[in-house]
Amino acid sequence: MAQRSYFQDILSVLGSNVVVTICNLAIGIILSRLLGAAGYGMYSSIIVVPIMVIGFTQLGIRRSAIYHIGLKTDPEKNIVSALFILLLISSFLSILICTLVYFYSESSTYHPLLIGIVFLTIPLLLGNVFAGGFFLGKEQIRRANYLNAAPTAFNLVFVILFVLFLRWSVLGAFIAVALANLVTFFFVCRILIVHDQYRITWKYHEHLMKSMVHLGIMNALAIFIMQLNYRFDILMLKKMSTLEQVGFYSLATQIAEQLWHIPYAIESIIMSRSANTKDNEFVNKTVASIFRVSLLIGILGCLIMFFVSPFLIPLIFGQEYVQSVPLIQTILPGILLLVAFRILNSRLIGMGKPQNAIWTFLPALLLNIGLNLLWIPKYGALGSAWATNVSYGAGSLVFIFLYAKKIKMPVLEIFNYRKSDFYFFRDLKPFPKRKSRA
């Protein structure tokens, strides 16, 4: 049984997310000021492609690893070996798809050296993602926290070196990302192979591989659809508007999405604990209580961001980015509603049921694309922000109803605040761990 309480683990993950937030903020300040709106827009338009592609080609293995380790039906050494084999497969698919996307897009704006660095970064990034799932499945939260924070922290260090001091502009920004993931991946290999002494056999464990890929593909589809909802508007803005508009919108979404760090922290623990417990009734009530408290925290965060952003954005990022302020204020309701989705969806992922996210957010994606086509020509980045609001909101609300039906809990019960919610973190005990099967 886990020795640390549920609240301790959430605080631990939240602490690593705070580090990520601070580092991302510093990176955003440096890149936005030194690259300018056009340079930052180019950086965003290039890097958004592998981010979206990896969302699908990682095959949902991180979440699948959490579930399979929690089942305890296969030796951990077999799971580690399977993860390395799947890393090679997913890296090849990612590079292939990114090549096609870059080739058929406006490739003249993309320097081959930048694309080459992106391709070298992909296997490293995927390896860190897979290892994070392994550590979460084993409830090794501290190691998972390291993998969460380390790439961003190293990225900041290298951005300061290559962009701020050496003035390598966009090239320096991409080198920083690559080296950050390389250093992190080196430590991952050292932990798994040297410290924990897992032996990579490269043996094909048919049942395990098929099971991980089958569940992973469903997770991958859900992740890919969500990534498209998050990022496809940037590609549409680049095609239908200017790089300056892309830069303003990219900064706005980056700032507004900092509100997700609380559900990020919570969902990691819920997935980990859900995969290691049989007490479904207790988990469902716990998740509902977490959801209610997190929603209030999210509302408070939105209000603070709404009133503070007009003063902080030009102060921190420069007067050039004052146009990002109304974009941030506009997109906040959609970001808030997605908090609800992320927390509730983490429960279903831990149960091995990620498909509900697909049924709800695939229509939301189509809605997002349609509204962007309609509103970008007339309103630019602001139209894209409204399209994101509508699609996030519609998808999240539909998902809440499907979630309630899946766990057999009335929707009103999920939203029914009670006094005990506000003592929740003080009194909560760890989830009971599932017994190993014979």
Protein backbone atom coordinates (compact mmCIF):
# COMPACT_ATOMS: atom_id res chain seq x y z
CA MET A 1 0.00 0.00 0.00
CA ALA A 2 1.24 3.49 -0.77
CA GLN A 3 2.82 5.07 2.32
CA ARG A 4 2.16 8.64 1.27
CA SER A 5 -1.34 10.09 1.50
CA TYR A 6 -3.36 11.06 -1.53
CA PHE A 7 -2.99 14.73 -0.63
CA GLN A 8 0.79 14.43 -0.20
CA ASP A 9 1.11 12.94 -3.67
CA ILE A 10 -1.07 15.67 -5.19
CA LEU A 11 1.01 18.35 -3.49
CA SER A 12 4.17 16.67 -4.73
CA VAL A 13 2.95 16.61 -8.35
CA LEU A 14 1.60 20.15 -8.00
CA GLY A 15 5.02 21.27 -6.79
CA SER A 16 6.68 19.86 -9.90
CA ASN A 17 4.00 21.56 -12.02
CA VAL A 18 4.77 24.87 -10.32
CA VAL A 19 8.40 24.41 -11.38
CA VAL A 20 7.19 23.70 -14.93
CA THR A 21 4.98 26.80 -14.86
CA ILE A 22 7.77 29.09 -13.66
CA CYS A 23 10.22 27.68 -16.20
CA ASN A 24 7.70 27.91 -19.06
CA LEU A 25 6.94 31.50 -18.07
CA ALA A 26 10.64 32.37 -18.11
CA ILE A 27 11.11 30.59 -21.45
CA GLY A 28 8.11 32.42 -22.89
CA ILE A 29 9.47 35.78 -21.73
CA ILE A 30 12.90 35.16 -23.24
CA LEU A 31 11.64 33.77 -26.55
CA SER A 32 8.86 36.33 -27.02
CA ARG A 33 11.15 39.27 -26.29
CA LEU A 34 14.21 38.10 -28.25
CA LEU A 35 12.49 36.41 -31.19
CA GLY A 36 9.72 38.98 -31.64
CA ALA A 37 6.14 38.14 -32.58
CA ALA A 38 7.09 36.83 -36.03
CA GLY A 39 10.01 34.72 -34.77
CA TYR A 40 7.96 33.36 -31.89
CA GLY A 41 5.15 32.62 -34.32
CA MET A 42 7.56 30.65 -36.56
CA TYR A 43 8.89 28.71 -33.56
CA SER A 44 5.33 27.88 -32.47
CA SER A 45 4.19 26.88 -35.98
CA ILE A 46 7.12 24.44 -36.38
CA ILE A 47 7.01 22.84 -32.95
CA VAL A 48 3.24 22.44 -32.96
CA VAL A 49 3.52 19.74 -35.66
CA PRO A 50 5.52 17.16 -33.63
CA ILE A 51 3.47 17.98 -30.54
CA MET A 52 0.25 17.05 -32.36
CA VAL A 53 1.76 14.05 -34.14
CA ILE A 54 3.32 12.63 -30.98
CA GLY A 55 -0.07 12.93 -29.32
CA PHE A 56 -1.16 10.14 -31.67
CA THR A 57 1.98 8.14 -32.48
CA GLN A 58 2.91 7.60 -28.83
CA LEU A 59 -0.02 5.15 -29.11
CA GLY A 60 -1.27 6.11 -25.65
CA ILE A 61 1.45 3.87 -24.21
CA ARG A 62 2.08 6.08 -21.18
CA ARG A 63 -1.46 5.59 -19.96
CA SER A 64 -1.52 1.97 -21.06
CA ALA A 65 1.64 1.35 -19.02
CA ILE A 66 -0.01 2.78 -15.92
CA TYR A 67 -2.96 0.43 -16.34
CA HIS A 68 -0.92 -2.72 -17.07
CA ILE A 69 1.52 -2.19 -14.21
CA GLY A 70 -1.47 -1.75 -11.90
CA LEU A 71 -2.91 -5.07 -13.12
CA LYS A 72 0.28 -6.89 -12.04
CA THR A 73 -0.34 -9.73 -14.50
CA ASP A 74 3.03 -9.35 -16.27
CA PRO A 75 6.58 -9.05 -14.86
CA GLU A 76 7.83 -5.49 -14.75
CA LYS A 77 10.95 -6.40 -16.75
CA ASN A 78 8.71 -7.52 -19.63
CA ILE A 79 6.82 -4.24 -19.51
CA VAL A 80 10.09 -2.26 -19.60
CA SER A 81 11.29 -4.27 -22.62
CA ALA A 82 7.94 -3.79 -24.34
CA LEU A 83 8.14 -0.04 -23.73
CA PHE A 84 11.55 0.19 -25.43
CA ILE A 85 10.31 -1.74 -28.48
CA LEU A 86 7.24 0.48 -28.70
CA LEU A 87 9.50 3.53 -28.36
CA LEU A 88 11.32 2.56 -31.57
CA ILE A 89 8.04 1.97 -33.42
CA SER A 90 6.37 5.18 -32.29
CA SER A 91 9.52 7.24 -33.00
CA PHE A 92 9.64 5.95 -36.59
CA LEU A 93 5.94 6.71 -37.11
CA SER A 94 6.30 10.20 -35.63
CA ILE A 95 9.23 11.15 -37.83
CA LEU A 96 7.52 9.74 -40.93
CA ILE A 97 4.27 11.65 -40.34
CA CYS A 98 6.08 14.88 -39.42
CA THR A 99 8.10 14.59 -42.64
CA LEU A 100 4.92 14.35 -44.68
CA VAL A 101 3.30 17.27 -42.87
CA TYR A 102 6.32 19.52 -43.32
CA PHE A 103 6.73 18.45 -46.97
CA TYR A 104 3.16 19.25 -47.93
CA SER A 105 2.96 22.47 -45.91
CA GLU A 106 4.78 25.71 -46.63
CA SER A 107 8.15 23.98 -46.40
CA SER A 108 10.05 27.00 -47.76
CA THR A 109 9.55 28.75 -44.40
CA TYR A 110 11.10 25.83 -42.48
CA HIS A 111 14.91 25.62 -42.42
CA PRO A 112 16.10 21.99 -42.88
CA LEU A 113 18.41 22.26 -39.86
CA LEU A 114 15.47 23.16 -37.61
CA ILE A 115 13.47 20.20 -38.92
CA GLY A 116 16.45 17.89 -38.38
CA ILE A 117 16.75 18.96 -34.75
CA VAL A 118 13.03 18.35 -34.28
CA PHE A 119 13.39 14.82 -35.67
CA LEU A 120 16.30 14.05 -33.31
CA THR A 121 14.24 15.31 -30.36
CA ILE A 122 11.20 13.10 -31.03
CA PRO A 123 12.61 9.73 -29.73
CA LEU A 124 14.02 11.42 -26.63
CA LEU A 125 10.72 13.12 -25.83
CA LEU A 126 8.77 9.89 -26.37
CA GLY A 127 11.19 7.94 -24.17
CA ASN A 128 10.65 10.38 -21.31
CA VAL A 129 6.87 10.18 -21.76
CA PHE A 130 6.87 6.34 -21.67
CA ALA A 131 9.12 6.26 -18.60
CA GLY A 132 6.79 8.67 -16.81
CA GLY A 133 3.91 6.23 -17.34
CA PHE A 134 6.01 3.37 -15.95
CA PHE A 135 6.88 5.31 -12.80
CA LEU A 136 3.28 6.43 -12.25
CA GLY A 137 2.06 2.85 -12.63
CA LYS A 138 4.47 1.82 -9.87
CA GLU A 139 3.29 4.82 -7.82
CA GLN A 140 6.85 6.17 -7.83
CA ILE A 141 5.59 9.73 -7.75
CA ARG A 142 8.93 11.39 -7.05
CA ARG A 143 10.52 9.86 -10.14
CA ALA A 144 7.48 10.80 -12.21
CA ASN A 145 7.76 14.35 -10.87
CA TYR A 146 11.38 14.51 -11.97
CA LEU A 147 10.41 13.47 -15.48
CA ASN A 148 7.66 16.08 -15.45
CA ALA A 149 9.87 18.99 -14.39
CA ALA A 150 13.36 18.13 -15.64
CA PRO A 151 12.90 18.69 -19.41
CA THR A 152 11.37 22.14 -18.87
CA ALA A 153 13.98 23.13 -16.27
CA PHE A 154 16.84 22.04 -18.55
CA ASN A 155 15.12 23.76 -21.46
CA LEU A 156 15.19 27.05 -19.54
CA VAL A 157 18.89 26.65 -18.80
CA PHE A 158 19.70 25.98 -22.45
CA VAL A 159 17.40 28.77 -23.70
CA ILE A 160 19.29 31.20 -21.48
CA LEU A 161 22.57 29.90 -22.92
CA PHE A 162 21.73 29.64 -26.62
CA VAL A 163 19.07 32.34 -27.09
CA LEU A 164 19.81 34.94 -24.43
CA PHE A 165 23.63 34.83 -24.34
CA LEU A 166 24.70 33.33 -27.69
CA ARG A 167 21.81 34.98 -29.60
CA TRP A 168 21.15 31.93 -31.80
CA SER A 169 17.53 33.00 -32.24
CA VAL A 170 15.04 30.29 -33.37
CA LEU A 171 17.86 27.78 -33.92
CA GLY A 172 18.96 28.20 -30.31
CA ALA A 173 15.40 27.63 -29.10
CA PHE A 174 15.21 24.27 -30.89
CA ILE A 175 18.69 23.21 -29.75
CA ALA A 176 17.59 23.96 -26.18
CA VAL A 177 14.56 21.68 -26.49
CA ALA A 178 16.67 18.86 -27.96
CA LEU A 179 19.41 19.01 -25.32
CA ALA A 180 16.88 19.25 -22.47
CA ASN A 181 15.21 16.02 -23.54
CA LEU A 182 18.58 14.34 -24.18
CA VAL A 183 19.85 15.02 -20.66
CA THR A 184 16.55 13.83 -19.14
CA PHE A 185 16.53 10.65 -21.25
CA PHE A 186 20.08 9.86 -20.14
CA PHE A 187 18.99 9.92 -16.49
CA VAL A 188 15.93 7.77 -17.30
CA CYS A 189 18.14 5.09 -18.83
CA ARG A 190 20.49 5.29 -15.87
CA ILE A 191 17.61 4.79 -13.40
CA LEU A 192 16.02 1.87 -15.25
CA ILE A 193 19.09 0.01 -16.45
CA VAL A 194 21.81 0.84 -13.91
CA HIS A 195 19.93 1.57 -10.67
CA ASP A 196 16.88 -0.71 -11.00
CA GLN A 197 18.80 -3.21 -13.17
CA TYR A 198 16.04 -3.93 -15.67
CA ARG A 199 17.43 -5.95 -18.57
CA ILE A 200 16.18 -4.97 -22.02
CA THR A 201 15.62 -8.24 -23.90
CA TRP A 202 13.91 -7.00 -27.08
CA LYS A 203 11.81 -10.16 -26.88
CA TYR A 204 8.33 -9.92 -28.40
CA HIS A 205 5.82 -10.71 -25.64
CA GLU A 206 2.79 -11.16 -27.87
CA HIS A 207 -0.03 -11.04 -25.31
CA LEU A 208 1.45 -8.08 -23.43
CA MET A 209 2.30 -6.11 -26.57
CA LYS A 210 -1.12 -6.65 -28.11
CA SER A 211 -2.88 -5.70 -24.90
CA MET A 212 -0.77 -2.55 -24.41
CA VAL A 213 -1.18 -1.46 -28.03
CA HIS A 214 -4.94 -2.20 -28.10
CA LEU A 215 -5.61 -0.08 -25.02
CA GLY A 216 -2.94 2.38 -26.06
CA ILE A 217 -4.49 3.04 -29.47
CA MET A 218 -7.74 4.05 -27.82
CA ASN A 219 -5.77 6.36 -25.53
CA ALA A 220 -3.80 7.63 -28.51
CA LEU A 221 -6.93 8.52 -30.45
CA ALA A 222 -8.27 10.39 -27.44
CA ILE A 223 -4.95 12.22 -26.91
CA PHE A 224 -4.59 13.03 -30.61
CA ILE A 225 -8.10 14.44 -30.82
CA MET A 226 -7.48 16.54 -27.72
CA GLN A 227 -4.15 17.77 -29.11
CA LEU A 228 -5.89 18.78 -32.33
CA ASN A 229 -8.44 20.68 -30.27
CA TYR A 230 -5.59 22.41 -28.42
CA ARG A 231 -3.30 23.17 -31.35
CA PHE A 232 -5.03 22.89 -34.74
CA ASP A 233 -6.19 26.49 -34.49
CA ILE A 234 -2.54 27.61 -34.53
CA LEU A 235 -2.00 25.91 -37.89
CA MET A 236 -5.23 27.43 -39.21
CA LEU A 237 -4.17 30.88 -38.00
CA LYS A 238 -0.81 30.49 -39.74
CA LYS A 239 -2.57 29.58 -42.98
CA MET A 240 -5.34 32.17 -42.82
CA SER A 241 -3.71 35.03 -40.89
CA THR A 242 -0.21 36.36 -40.06
CA LEU A 243 2.74 35.08 -38.02
CA GLU A 244 2.19 38.02 -35.64
CA GLN A 245 -1.36 36.80 -34.96
CA VAL A 246 0.02 33.30 -34.39
CA GLY A 247 2.52 34.72 -31.91
CA PHE A 248 -0.13 36.67 -29.99
CA TYR A 249 -2.48 33.69 -29.87
CA SER A 250 0.29 31.20 -28.93
CA LEU A 251 1.30 33.35 -25.98
CA ALA A 252 -2.32 33.77 -24.89
CA THR A 253 -3.01 30.02 -24.90
CA GLN A 254 0.28 29.31 -23.17
CA ILE A 255 -0.60 31.71 -20.33
CA ALA A 256 -4.26 30.62 -20.01
CA GLU A 257 -3.34 26.92 -20.01
CA GLN A 258 -1.31 27.40 -16.84
CA LEU A 259 -4.65 26.88 -15.09
CA TRP A 260 -4.40 23.24 -16.11
CA HIS A 261 -1.54 22.53 -13.73
CA ILE A 262 -3.94 21.74 -10.90
CA PRO A 263 -5.92 19.14 -12.90
CA TYR A 264 -2.61 17.85 -14.34
CA ALA A 265 -1.40 17.19 -10.81
CA ILE A 266 -4.66 15.58 -9.77
CA GLU A 267 -5.20 13.46 -12.87
CA SER A 268 -1.77 11.84 -12.60
CA ILE A 269 -2.53 10.61 -9.09
CA ILE A 270 -6.08 9.55 -9.96
CA MET A 271 -4.83 7.48 -12.91
CA SER A 272 -2.12 5.88 -10.79
CA ARG A 273 -4.36 5.07 -7.83
CA SER A 274 -7.34 4.02 -9.97
CA ALA A 275 -5.17 1.44 -11.70
CA ASN A 276 -4.23 -0.01 -8.30
CA THR A 277 -7.59 -0.29 -6.54
CA LYS A 278 -10.81 -2.29 -6.58
CA ASP A 279 -12.87 0.00 -4.34
CA ASN A 280 -14.72 1.72 -7.19
CA GLU A 281 -17.41 3.32 -5.05
CA PHE A 282 -14.84 5.02 -2.85
CA VAL A 283 -12.86 6.20 -5.88
CA ASN A 284 -15.95 7.60 -7.62
CA LYS A 285 -16.97 9.62 -4.56
CA THR A 286 -13.40 10.79 -4.09
CA VAL A 287 -13.06 11.94 -7.69
CA ALA A 288 -16.40 13.79 -7.50
CA SER A 289 -15.22 15.63 -4.39
CA ILE A 290 -11.89 16.49 -6.04
CA PHE A 291 -13.80 17.75 -9.09
CA ARG A 292 -15.98 20.10 -7.04
CA VAL A 293 -13.07 21.60 -5.11
CA SER A 294 -10.93 21.94 -8.26
CA LEU A 295 -13.74 23.72 -10.09
CA LEU A 296 -13.84 26.40 -7.39
CA ILE A 297 -10.08 26.76 -7.49
CA GLY A 298 -10.27 27.04 -11.29
CA ILE A 299 -12.91 29.80 -11.10
CA LEU A 300 -10.74 31.73 -8.66
CA GLY A 301 -7.71 31.30 -10.93
CA CYS A 302 -9.69 32.53 -13.96
CA LEU A 303 -10.84 35.65 -12.12
CA ILE A 304 -7.31 36.48 -11.00
CA MET A 305 -5.92 35.92 -14.50
CA PHE A 306 -8.69 38.01 -16.10
CA PHE A 307 -8.00 41.10 -13.99
CA VAL A 308 -4.22 40.76 -13.68
CA SER A 309 -3.27 39.95 -17.31
CA PRO A 310 -3.79 43.54 -18.66
CA PHE A 311 -1.07 44.75 -16.30
CA LEU A 312 1.35 41.81 -16.28
CA ILE A 313 1.45 40.83 -19.97
CA PRO A 314 2.91 44.14 -21.30
CA LEU A 315 5.11 44.43 -18.20
CA ILE A 316 6.60 40.92 -18.53
CA PHE A 317 6.49 40.19 -22.25
CA GLY A 318 6.67 43.72 -23.65
CA GLN A 319 4.20 46.22 -25.08
CA GLU A 320 4.22 44.34 -28.41
CA TYR A 321 2.17 41.55 -26.81
CA VAL A 322 -0.60 43.72 -25.40
CA GLN A 323 -2.84 42.22 -28.11
CA SER A 324 -2.59 38.86 -26.29
CA VAL A 325 -4.53 40.26 -23.31
CA PRO A 326 -8.07 40.12 -24.82
CA LEU A 327 -7.24 36.68 -26.20
CA ILE A 328 -6.37 35.43 -22.71
CA GLN A 329 -9.53 36.94 -21.24
CA THR A 330 -11.67 35.44 -24.00
CA ILE A 331 -10.33 31.89 -23.80
CA LEU A 332 -10.61 31.50 -20.01
CA PRO A 333 -14.17 30.02 -19.89
CA GLY A 334 -13.20 27.19 -22.25
CA ILE A 335 -10.03 26.49 -20.26
CA LEU A 336 -12.08 26.32 -17.06
CA LEU A 337 -14.61 23.87 -18.52
CA LEU A 338 -11.79 21.65 -19.70
CA VAL A 339 -10.60 21.37 -16.09
CA ALA A 340 -13.77 19.38 -15.44
CA PHE A 341 -13.05 17.06 -18.35
CA ARG A 342 -9.42 16.37 -17.38
CA ILE A 343 -10.23 15.37 -13.81
CA LEU A 344 -13.19 13.13 -14.64
CA ASN A 345 -11.46 11.61 -17.66
CA SER A 346 -8.46 10.57 -15.55
CA ARG A 347 -10.77 8.26 -13.60
CA LEU A 348 -11.94 6.47 -16.75
CA ILE A 349 -8.36 6.20 -18.04
CA GLY A 350 -7.33 4.51 -14.80
CA MET A 351 -10.19 2.06 -15.35
CA GLY A 352 -8.90 1.31 -18.86
CA LYS A 353 -11.82 3.10 -20.55
CA PRO A 354 -10.48 6.07 -22.54
CA GLN A 355 -12.97 5.83 -25.42
CA ASN A 356 -15.52 8.24 -23.95
CA ALA A 357 -13.15 11.13 -24.61
CA ILE A 358 -13.18 10.18 -28.29
CA TRP A 359 -16.97 10.16 -28.63
CA THR A 360 -17.26 13.60 -27.03
CA PHE A 361 -14.27 15.51 -28.38
CA LEU A 362 -14.28 14.29 -31.98
CA PRO A 363 -17.50 16.26 -32.67
CA ALA A 364 -16.01 19.13 -30.64
CA LEU A 365 -12.94 19.08 -32.92
CA LEU A 366 -15.10 19.29 -36.03
CA LEU A 367 -16.99 22.16 -34.41
CA ASN A 368 -13.67 23.86 -33.63
CA ILE A 369 -12.45 23.57 -37.23
CA GLY A 370 -15.74 24.83 -38.65
CA LEU A 371 -15.86 27.84 -36.34
CA ASN A 372 -12.22 28.69 -37.06
CA LEU A 373 -12.93 28.64 -40.79
CA LEU A 374 -15.89 30.93 -40.17
CA TRP A 375 -14.38 33.36 -37.66
CA ILE A 376 -10.63 33.66 -38.40
CA PRO A 377 -11.07 35.56 -41.70
CA LYS A 378 -13.26 38.11 -39.95
CA TYR A 379 -11.88 38.30 -36.41
CA GLY A 380 -8.36 36.84 -36.65
CA ALA A 381 -6.92 35.39 -33.44
CA LEU A 382 -9.94 36.54 -31.43
CA GLY A 383 -12.20 34.42 -33.62
CA SER A 384 -9.94 31.44 -33.00
CA ALA A 385 -10.20 32.06 -29.24
CA TRP A 386 -14.01 32.04 -29.43
CA ALA A 387 -13.96 28.86 -31.51
CA THR A 388 -11.79 27.21 -28.86
CA ASN A 389 -14.17 28.38 -26.14
CA VAL A 390 -17.20 26.86 -27.84
CA SER A 391 -15.54 23.54 -28.70
CA TYR A 392 -13.94 23.08 -25.25
CA GLY A 393 -17.21 23.95 -23.53
CA ALA A 394 -19.41 21.71 -25.69
CA GLY A 395 -17.04 18.74 -25.40
CA SER A 396 -16.62 19.07 -21.64
CA LEU A 397 -20.36 19.38 -20.89
CA VAL A 398 -21.23 16.35 -23.03
CA PHE A 399 -18.44 14.36 -21.38
CA ILE A 400 -19.78 15.09 -17.88
CA PHE A 401 -23.11 13.49 -18.80
CA LEU A 402 -21.41 10.45 -20.34
CA TYR A 403 -19.16 10.10 -17.30
CA ALA A 404 -22.12 10.21 -14.94
CA LYS A 405 -23.83 7.47 -16.94
CA LYS A 406 -20.69 5.32 -17.02
CA ILE A 407 -20.12 5.35 -13.25
CA LYS A 408 -23.88 5.33 -12.47
CA MET A 409 -23.81 8.60 -10.55
CA PRO A 410 -26.40 11.36 -11.16
CA VAL A 411 -24.99 14.50 -12.73
CA LEU A 412 -26.42 16.62 -9.93
CA GLU A 413 -24.59 14.42 -7.44
CA ILE A 414 -21.28 15.25 -9.14
CA PHE A 415 -21.99 18.98 -8.69
CA ASN A 416 -23.60 18.66 -5.25
CA TYR A 417 -21.27 20.58 -2.94
CA ARG A 418 -21.15 19.54 0.70
CA LYS A 419 -19.30 20.66 3.78
CA SER A 420 -17.06 17.61 3.72
CA ASP A 421 -15.61 18.72 0.36
CA PHE A 422 -13.71 21.50 2.09
CA TYR A 423 -12.14 19.10 4.59
CA PHE A 424 -11.44 16.62 1.84
CA PHE A 425 -7.67 16.89 1.61
CA ARG A 426 -7.23 16.84 5.37
CA ASP A 427 -9.13 13.60 5.94
CA LEU A 428 -8.49 11.69 2.72
CA LYS A 429 -6.66 8.37 2.97
CA PRO A 430 -4.75 6.55 0.24
CA PHE A 431 -6.69 4.29 -2.10
CA PRO A 432 -6.45 0.63 -1.13
CA LYS A 433 -4.09 -1.14 -3.49
CA ARG A 434 -5.30 -4.00 -5.70
CA LYS A 435 -4.02 -7.38 -4.65
CA SER A 436 -1.74 -9.23 -7.04
CA ARG A 437 -3.40 -11.96 -9.04
CA ALA A 438 -2.18 -15.46 -8.62
